Amino acid sequence: MDMLEDLKSLQFEYGIQEEDRSWLYLLGRSHGLMIKACAHAAFFCKLLRNLRESFSKKSSQEKKISEDIPDDDELKVGIIGGGHLGKQLAHTLLQLVPIPAESLRISTRRPEALGEFKKLGIQCFYRNSSLVQWANVIFLCCLPSQLPNICVEIQTSLEKACIVYSFVAAIPIPRLKHLLNHTNILRPQYQCVEDLDNIWGANKEITAALQDPVILQATCPYSPAGGIILNVKWLEGVFYAAINTCTRKDMSHSQVLQLLNELFLSVHFETCGKDGASCRKFQVQDFVSKAYAENLSQKRPFPWFDLTAVQLKETPFSQYLSNSTALQDHLTHLYCDSFGISLTKQQQPTEVSKGSLSQ
């Protein structure tokens, strides 16, 4: 591609009539949406992987499990759909999480077209139900027209704890819940504003783009840069998905809170004090009602949360997440740090910007 860079006759824009060039911004917007979607999926998988590694460490310490026993807490990720989005997502997860090739599988109608992934040791096949039986997280990267049939195929094979992460923007959460008969679903929602700042680099590979500090900071959950905004209800879903993962392991709510503090408050900044000693820690009332919290004994687990309801309604966590700028700063620093970038005070999203995104 570098050899062709200066050959205008081979570029996408060549031959487009002058009156139609005003629509070229859609190319940047499409690429920006793809970059953001892959970045947020990678961040989510990083969190889940770290959470499951914490399970493994605690189990080894408490039960003195031999290192020779296979680790059941290894994150297993499945992708349904081998088109452009599915391929880009697979590359992102492999390189930036990173997920080992043996822990990633792809189900598509044309597995023969995924030779590049097979060479890397990734299993590619066309068995959607087998994929969901194996995976901890399933990414739906199919066309809206294909989704109803896929849901019929997989709904009886889905385990309660399997997280379905949908990129099918045309299918709303309630419809997806009905089609799958499943509640452990995450679906990021993006909004494009009129003033698009085309920073996305339409010809950049996504993994390369996410190593550019300007582009990466534009993908931050609280950042409006680049003209594409993420609905922060997705962040609530991420928290409750982490809690459900812990609940499936029969962990008490006090153990879960400890893990959440270790996981989400692990990256500190100037106002946190030494070693984050002054940081407010998560409490039971942040996630359940006060009445429920008062009747929750120390060893009892959290209830199982319906992630579809979390993303559609107000939760006990909604107000805390929207009002706590300290937590927002923690999450922003954690997000950038997970991709290898440290933010300075000047690089943080402004309070006005973050406040507008929480609406």
Protein backbone atom coordinates (compact mmCIF):
# COMPACT_ATOMS: atom_id res chain seq x y z
CA MET A 1 0.00 0.00 0.00
CA ASP A 2 2.92 2.38 0.62
CA MET A 3 4.05 1.94 -3.01
CA LEU A 4 0.63 3.07 -4.22
CA GLU A 5 0.26 5.97 -1.78
CA ASP A 6 1.06 8.75 -4.27
CA LEU A 7 -0.76 7.21 -7.25
CA LYS A 8 -3.93 9.33 -7.27
CA SER A 9 -5.61 7.25 -9.97
CA LEU A 10 -5.69 4.27 -7.58
CA GLN A 11 -7.07 6.16 -4.60
CA PHE A 12 -10.69 5.86 -3.47
CA GLU A 13 -11.45 9.55 -4.11
CA TYR A 14 -10.23 9.51 -7.74
CA GLY A 15 -13.03 9.98 -10.25
CA ILE A 16 -15.62 11.23 -7.77
CA GLN A 17 -17.46 14.23 -9.12
CA GLU A 18 -16.85 17.54 -7.35
CA GLU A 19 -20.50 17.85 -6.30
CA ASP A 20 -20.31 14.44 -4.59
CA ARG A 21 -17.10 15.07 -2.64
CA SER A 22 -19.03 16.52 0.28
CA TRP A 23 -20.06 12.95 1.12
CA LEU A 24 -16.49 11.73 1.58
CA TYR A 25 -16.70 12.50 5.30
CA LEU A 26 -18.82 9.34 5.58
CA LEU A 27 -15.69 7.31 4.80
CA GLY A 28 -13.91 8.78 7.82
CA ARG A 29 -16.99 8.33 9.99
CA SER A 30 -17.31 4.67 9.01
CA HIS A 31 -13.65 4.04 9.80
CA GLY A 32 -13.97 5.94 13.08
CA LEU A 33 -16.93 3.79 14.12
CA MET A 34 -14.94 0.64 13.30
CA ILE A 35 -11.95 1.85 15.33
CA LYS A 36 -14.09 2.78 18.33
CA ALA A 37 -16.02 -0.50 18.23
CA CYS A 38 -12.85 -2.60 18.11
CA ALA A 39 -11.15 -0.50 20.81
CA HIS A 40 -14.06 -0.85 23.26
CA ALA A 41 -14.32 -4.59 22.58
CA ALA A 42 -10.58 -4.97 23.24
CA PHE A 43 -10.84 -2.97 26.48
CA PHE A 44 -13.75 -5.12 27.64
CA CYS A 45 -11.83 -8.32 26.90
CA LYS A 46 -8.77 -6.97 28.74
CA LEU A 47 -10.92 -6.37 31.83
CA LEU A 48 -12.51 -9.81 31.67
CA ARG A 49 -9.14 -11.48 31.14
CA ASN A 50 -7.66 -9.66 34.15
CA LEU A 51 -10.71 -10.55 36.22
CA ARG A 52 -10.43 -14.22 35.35
CA GLU A 53 -6.69 -14.16 36.08
CA SER A 54 -7.56 -12.81 39.54
CA PHE A 55 -9.88 -15.81 40.02
CA SER A 56 -7.06 -18.15 39.10
CA LYS A 57 -4.59 -16.53 41.49
CA LYS A 58 -7.00 -16.60 44.39
CA SER A 59 -7.91 -20.23 43.70
CA SER A 60 -4.25 -21.19 43.58
CA GLN A 61 -3.56 -19.43 46.87
CA GLU A 62 -6.57 -20.80 48.70
CA LYS A 63 -6.61 -24.35 47.33
CA LYS A 64 -2.91 -24.67 46.40
CA ILE A 65 -3.83 -25.96 42.95
CA SER A 66 -0.98 -27.56 41.03
CA GLU A 67 0.42 -25.60 38.10
CA ASP A 68 0.07 -28.75 35.99
CA ILE A 69 -3.74 -28.52 36.06
CA PRO A 70 -5.18 -26.68 33.02
CA ASP A 71 -6.48 -23.19 33.77
CA ASP A 72 -10.28 -23.10 33.36
CA ASP A 73 -10.27 -19.34 33.89
CA GLU A 74 -8.63 -18.61 30.53
CA LEU A 75 -10.89 -16.20 28.61
CA LYS A 76 -12.39 -17.86 25.52
CA VAL A 77 -13.73 -15.56 22.81
CA GLY A 78 -15.91 -16.44 19.84
CA ILE A 79 -16.75 -14.29 16.82
CA ILE A 80 -19.83 -14.97 14.69
CA GLY A 81 -19.25 -13.42 11.30
CA GLY A 82 -16.10 -13.39 9.19
CA GLY A 83 -16.73 -10.22 7.18
CA HIS A 84 -14.81 -6.96 7.40
CA LEU A 85 -15.82 -6.21 11.00
CA GLY A 86 -15.22 -9.77 12.19
CA LYS A 87 -11.73 -9.81 10.65
CA GLN A 88 -10.77 -6.41 12.04
CA LEU A 89 -12.03 -7.39 15.49
CA ALA A 90 -10.07 -10.65 15.41
CA HIS A 91 -6.84 -8.81 14.50
CA THR A 92 -7.45 -6.27 17.28
CA LEU A 93 -8.11 -8.90 19.94
CA LEU A 94 -5.10 -10.97 18.89
CA GLN A 95 -2.66 -8.07 18.87
CA LEU A 96 -3.88 -5.63 21.49
CA VAL A 97 -5.50 -7.66 24.29
CA PRO A 98 -3.67 -9.95 23.44
CA ILE A 99 -5.77 -13.12 23.23
CA PRO A 100 -3.85 -16.34 22.40
CA ALA A 101 -4.83 -17.88 19.06
CA GLU A 102 -6.09 -21.03 20.79
CA SER A 103 -8.52 -18.92 22.85
CA LEU A 104 -10.15 -17.29 19.81
CA ARG A 105 -12.51 -19.02 17.37
CA ILE A 106 -14.54 -17.73 14.41
CA SER A 107 -17.76 -19.12 12.98
CA THR A 108 -18.67 -17.93 9.49
CA ARG A 109 -20.52 -19.18 6.42
CA ARG A 110 -17.23 -19.04 4.46
CA PRO A 111 -14.47 -20.39 6.73
CA GLU A 112 -12.37 -21.14 3.64
CA ALA A 113 -11.94 -17.36 3.21
CA LEU A 114 -10.15 -17.03 6.56
CA GLY A 115 -6.88 -18.71 5.64
CA GLU A 116 -4.84 -15.90 7.24
CA PHE A 117 -6.36 -16.72 10.64
CA LYS A 118 -6.06 -20.48 10.24
CA LYS A 119 -2.32 -20.01 9.67
CA LEU A 120 -2.17 -18.29 13.05
CA GLY A 121 -3.73 -21.32 14.75
CA ILE A 122 -7.29 -19.96 15.07
CA GLN A 123 -10.11 -22.43 14.53
CA CYS A 124 -12.44 -21.19 11.77
CA PHE A 125 -15.60 -23.15 10.99
CA TYR A 126 -19.34 -22.82 10.44
CA ARG A 127 -20.90 -24.17 13.64
CA ASN A 128 -22.51 -21.33 15.58
CA SER A 129 -24.03 -23.53 18.29
CA SER A 130 -20.68 -25.25 18.98
CA LEU A 131 -18.98 -21.88 19.23
CA VAL A 132 -21.35 -20.52 21.91
CA GLN A 133 -21.06 -23.74 23.93
CA TRP A 134 -17.29 -23.19 24.09
CA ALA A 135 -16.94 -19.42 24.51
CA ASN A 136 -17.20 -17.09 27.52
CA VAL A 137 -17.83 -14.09 25.23
CA ILE A 138 -19.54 -14.09 21.84
CA PHE A 139 -19.22 -11.14 19.46
CA LEU A 140 -22.04 -10.83 16.92
CA CYS A 141 -20.52 -9.36 13.75
CA CYS A 142 -23.18 -10.48 11.28
CA LEU A 143 -25.66 -8.62 9.09
CA PRO A 144 -29.05 -7.66 10.60
CA SER A 145 -30.80 -9.92 8.06
CA GLN A 146 -28.76 -12.91 9.29
CA LEU A 147 -29.34 -12.34 13.01
CA PRO A 148 -32.78 -13.97 13.49
CA ASN A 149 -31.60 -17.30 12.04
CA ILE A 150 -28.36 -17.14 14.06
CA CYS A 151 -30.32 -16.53 17.25
CA VAL A 152 -32.51 -19.58 16.56
CA GLU A 153 -29.33 -21.65 16.11
CA ILE A 154 -27.58 -20.56 19.30
CA GLN A 155 -30.24 -19.69 21.89
CA THR A 156 -30.54 -23.23 23.29
CA SER A 157 -26.75 -23.58 23.48
CA LEU A 158 -26.11 -20.32 25.35
CA GLU A 159 -25.05 -20.73 28.95
CA LYS A 160 -26.38 -18.17 31.42
CA ALA A 161 -22.91 -16.72 32.07
CA CYS A 162 -21.93 -16.38 28.39
CA ILE A 163 -21.76 -12.69 27.46
CA VAL A 164 -23.20 -11.84 24.06
CA TYR A 165 -21.65 -8.62 22.71
CA SER A 166 -23.61 -7.33 19.73
CA PHE A 167 -22.34 -5.06 16.97
CA VAL A 168 -25.60 -5.39 15.04
CA ALA A 169 -26.68 -1.77 15.37
CA ALA A 170 -30.03 -2.21 13.60
CA ILE A 171 -31.31 -4.65 16.24
CA PRO A 172 -32.20 -2.90 19.55
CA ILE A 173 -31.51 -4.51 22.91
CA PRO A 174 -35.12 -5.55 23.72
CA ARG A 175 -35.43 -7.30 20.35
CA LEU A 176 -32.08 -9.03 20.84
CA LYS A 177 -33.11 -10.19 24.32
CA HIS A 178 -36.30 -11.67 22.85
CA LEU A 179 -34.51 -13.37 19.94
CA LEU A 180 -31.88 -14.96 22.19
CA ASN A 181 -34.01 -15.54 25.29
CA HIS A 182 -30.92 -14.31 27.12
CA THR A 183 -30.14 -11.35 29.40
CA ASN A 184 -26.33 -11.33 29.57
CA ILE A 185 -26.05 -9.02 26.54
CA LEU A 186 -23.90 -5.95 25.88
CA ARG A 187 -24.52 -3.61 22.97
CA PRO A 188 -22.54 -0.37 22.62
CA GLN A 189 -24.49 2.50 21.08
CA TYR A 190 -22.74 5.24 19.14
CA GLN A 191 -23.97 8.66 18.11
CA CYS A 192 -22.40 10.72 15.34
CA VAL A 193 -22.46 14.51 15.67
CA GLU A 194 -22.57 16.90 12.73
CA ASP A 195 -19.14 18.46 13.22
CA LEU A 196 -16.93 15.51 12.37
CA ASP A 197 -13.26 16.05 13.09
CA ASN A 198 -11.73 13.51 10.73
CA ILE A 199 -8.81 12.31 12.81
CA TRP A 200 -9.40 8.64 12.10
CA GLY A 201 -7.12 8.14 9.10
CA ALA A 202 -9.35 6.32 6.62
CA ASN A 203 -6.53 4.11 5.27
CA LYS A 204 -4.96 3.18 8.62
CA GLU A 205 -5.09 -0.38 9.90
CA ILE A 206 -7.10 -0.44 13.13
CA THR A 207 -4.34 -1.96 15.24
CA ALA A 208 -1.95 0.75 13.98
CA ALA A 209 -4.54 3.47 14.55
CA LEU A 210 -4.98 2.41 18.19
CA GLN A 211 -1.27 2.93 18.79
CA ASP A 212 -1.65 6.58 17.79
CA PRO A 213 -2.17 8.56 21.06
CA VAL A 214 -4.50 11.10 19.40
CA ILE A 215 -6.77 8.41 17.93
CA LEU A 216 -6.70 6.27 21.08
CA GLN A 217 -7.68 9.20 23.30
CA ALA A 218 -10.55 9.93 20.89
CA THR A 219 -11.88 6.41 21.58
CA CYS A 220 -12.01 6.99 25.36
CA PRO A 221 -15.56 6.34 26.66
CA TYR A 222 -15.86 9.95 27.87
CA SER A 223 -14.25 11.61 24.86
CA PRO A 224 -16.33 13.47 22.22
CA ALA A 225 -13.28 13.89 19.96
CA GLY A 226 -13.69 12.74 16.37
CA GLY A 227 -17.43 13.38 16.32
CA ILE A 228 -18.46 9.89 17.50
CA ILE A 229 -19.91 9.55 21.01
CA LEU A 230 -20.39 6.36 23.03
CA ASN A 231 -23.49 6.08 25.20
CA VAL A 232 -21.97 5.61 28.67
CA LYS A 233 -24.72 3.16 29.65
CA TRP A 234 -22.30 0.73 28.02
CA LEU A 235 -19.89 1.36 30.90
CA GLU A 236 -22.60 0.44 33.39
CA GLY A 237 -23.12 -2.77 31.48
CA VAL A 238 -19.39 -3.50 31.69
CA PHE A 239 -19.43 -3.17 35.49
CA TYR A 240 -22.48 -5.36 35.95
CA ALA A 241 -21.10 -7.91 33.47
CA ALA A 242 -17.98 -8.15 35.66
CA ILE A 243 -20.19 -8.67 38.73
CA ASN A 244 -22.17 -11.42 36.98
CA THR A 245 -18.91 -13.14 36.05
CA CYS A 246 -17.92 -13.13 39.73
CA THR A 247 -21.36 -14.29 40.86
CA ARG A 248 -21.09 -17.27 38.52
CA LYS A 249 -17.98 -18.22 40.49
CA ASP A 250 -20.04 -18.17 43.75
CA MET A 251 -18.04 -15.26 45.14
CA SER A 252 -19.43 -13.30 48.07
CA HIS A 253 -20.32 -9.68 47.40
CA SER A 254 -17.48 -8.51 49.67
CA GLN A 255 -14.97 -10.47 47.57
CA VAL A 256 -16.49 -9.02 44.41
CA LEU A 257 -16.14 -5.46 45.70
CA GLN A 258 -12.49 -6.13 46.51
CA LEU A 259 -11.89 -7.40 42.97
CA LEU A 260 -13.69 -4.43 41.43
CA ASN A 261 -11.53 -2.05 43.44
CA GLU A 262 -8.40 -3.86 42.28
CA LEU A 263 -9.56 -4.00 38.68
CA PHE A 264 -11.12 -0.58 38.02
CA LEU A 265 -9.16 1.57 40.48
CA SER A 266 -5.75 0.16 39.69
CA VAL A 267 -4.47 3.21 37.76
CA HIS A 268 -4.08 6.34 39.88
CA PHE A 269 -3.41 9.99 39.08
CA GLU A 270 -2.19 13.11 40.88
CA THR A 271 -5.21 13.77 43.10
CA CYS A 272 -5.44 10.17 44.34
CA GLY A 273 -2.76 10.60 47.01
CA LYS A 274 -0.02 8.11 47.72
CA ASP A 275 -0.89 4.66 46.33
CA GLY A 276 -4.49 5.79 45.88
CA ALA A 277 -5.15 5.76 49.60
CA SER A 278 -7.63 8.63 49.32
CA CYS A 279 -9.66 7.03 46.51
CA ARG A 280 -13.24 6.19 47.35
CA LYS A 281 -13.77 2.44 47.14
CA PHE A 282 -16.83 0.72 45.69
CA GLN A 283 -19.63 -0.09 48.14
CA VAL A 284 -22.60 -2.45 47.99
CA GLN A 285 -25.05 0.46 47.69
CA ASP A 286 -23.34 1.54 44.47
CA PHE A 287 -24.80 -1.48 42.66
CA VAL A 288 -27.99 -2.49 44.51
CA SER A 289 -30.71 -0.58 46.31
CA LYS A 290 -30.14 0.55 49.88
CA ALA A 291 -32.92 -1.74 51.14
CA TYR A 292 -31.39 -4.76 49.37
CA ALA A 293 -27.92 -3.91 50.66
CA GLU A 294 -29.14 -3.75 54.26
CA ASN A 295 -30.38 -7.34 54.04
CA LEU A 296 -27.28 -8.69 52.31
CA SER A 297 -25.15 -10.74 54.67
CA GLN A 298 -21.35 -10.60 54.33
CA LYS A 299 -20.97 -13.96 52.58
CA ARG A 300 -23.92 -13.73 50.22
CA PRO A 301 -23.25 -13.09 46.51
CA PHE A 302 -24.70 -10.24 44.49
CA PRO A 303 -27.96 -11.03 42.68
CA TRP A 304 -27.79 -11.96 39.01
CA PHE A 305 -28.21 -8.78 36.96
CA ASP A 306 -30.12 -8.44 33.69
CA LEU A 307 -27.60 -6.55 31.53
CA THR A 308 -30.30 -5.55 29.05
CA ALA A 309 -32.20 -3.76 31.83
CA VAL A 310 -28.97 -2.16 33.08
CA GLN A 311 -28.41 -0.54 29.68
CA LEU A 312 -32.01 0.64 29.29
CA LYS A 313 -32.95 1.86 32.78
CA GLU A 314 -31.55 3.82 35.68
CA THR A 315 -29.61 1.66 38.16
CA PRO A 316 -28.14 2.38 41.59
CA PHE A 317 -24.82 2.73 39.77
CA SER A 318 -26.13 5.29 37.24
CA GLN A 319 -26.06 8.28 39.56
CA TYR A 320 -22.69 7.41 41.06
CA LEU A 321 -21.09 6.95 37.64
CA SER A 322 -22.53 10.19 36.24
CA ASN A 323 -21.78 12.34 39.31
CA SER A 324 -18.36 11.06 40.36
CA THR A 325 -15.72 12.86 38.31
CA ALA A 326 -13.06 10.97 40.28
CA LEU A 327 -14.44 7.64 39.04
CA GLN A 328 -14.67 8.99 35.50
CA ASP A 329 -11.02 10.06 35.72
CA HIS A 330 -10.05 6.63 37.03
CA LEU A 331 -11.81 4.91 34.13
CA THR A 332 -10.26 7.26 31.57
CA HIS A 333 -6.76 6.65 32.94
CA LEU A 334 -7.40 2.89 33.17
CA TYR A 335 -8.63 2.82 29.56
CA CYS A 336 -5.58 4.60 28.15
CA ASP A 337 -3.17 2.71 30.40
CA SER A 338 -4.57 -0.61 29.15
CA PHE A 339 -3.39 0.40 25.65
CA GLY A 340 -0.01 1.59 26.93
CA ILE A 341 -0.64 5.36 27.04
CA SER A 342 -0.41 7.51 30.18
CA LEU A 343 -2.51 10.67 30.29
CA THR A 344 -1.35 14.00 31.62
CA LYS A 345 -3.74 16.36 33.42
CA GLN A 346 -4.06 18.46 30.26
CA GLN A 347 -5.06 15.46 28.17
CA GLN A 348 -8.07 14.47 30.29
CA PRO A 349 -11.56 15.11 28.90
CA THR A 350 -13.01 18.35 30.26
CA GLU A 351 -15.73 18.24 32.90
CA VAL A 352 -18.14 19.87 30.42
CA SER A 353 -17.48 17.18 27.84
CA LYS A 354 -17.84 14.33 30.33
CA GLY A 355 -21.03 15.79 31.75
CA SER A 356 -22.60 16.06 28.33
CA LEU A 357 -21.75 12.45 27.50
CA SER A 358 -23.47 11.09 30.59
CA GLN A 359 -26.87 12.32 29.49
